[in-house]
């Protein structure tokens, strides 16, 4: 079950509760879903600055080719609704995702997720960033707040990657 961005957006456009978001996106930004995901305005504005990282453990029952695992980590790192933590151990790097919902905190290792959960994470984080993009383009004060929050997440992600990635040695 590989994530299909175009299909996701086309289905989104038929959902009554999402139509207003699509309408606002198209009003403030332009057409939605006519470009590949990585060429979309919302992606370039809010996600692209976060470096992709794919050297983490994935569920053993899902093929590495089934998803863009670098994009999944990038979307998580850019998320304002989830926290990402990379934890290395003797087996490899575990990508831990933490979500807080009503005072309940849940942390999951991507390596332990079912395929439908991985698929759902793509949906959640794409939905989040499309909504944030509309908010940024429709309200300058919100744009400042979102960009400040994103800059904070960017710094955390950059520092996390520095600790995980091996340093190149000069020869």
Foldseek 3Di string as FASTA:
>chain_A
DAADQLVLVVVLCVDPVNVVLQVLCCVLPRHPSPDPPCVDPLCVPQQVVAWFDQFAAAAPVDDPVRYPRSSLVSLQLSDPQKAWAWDQDPVTTWIWIWGDDPNDIDIDTNRPDDPVVSNVSVVVSVVRSSNLVSVVRVDVVSVVVSVVSSVVSRVVSVVRVVVRDDDDDDD
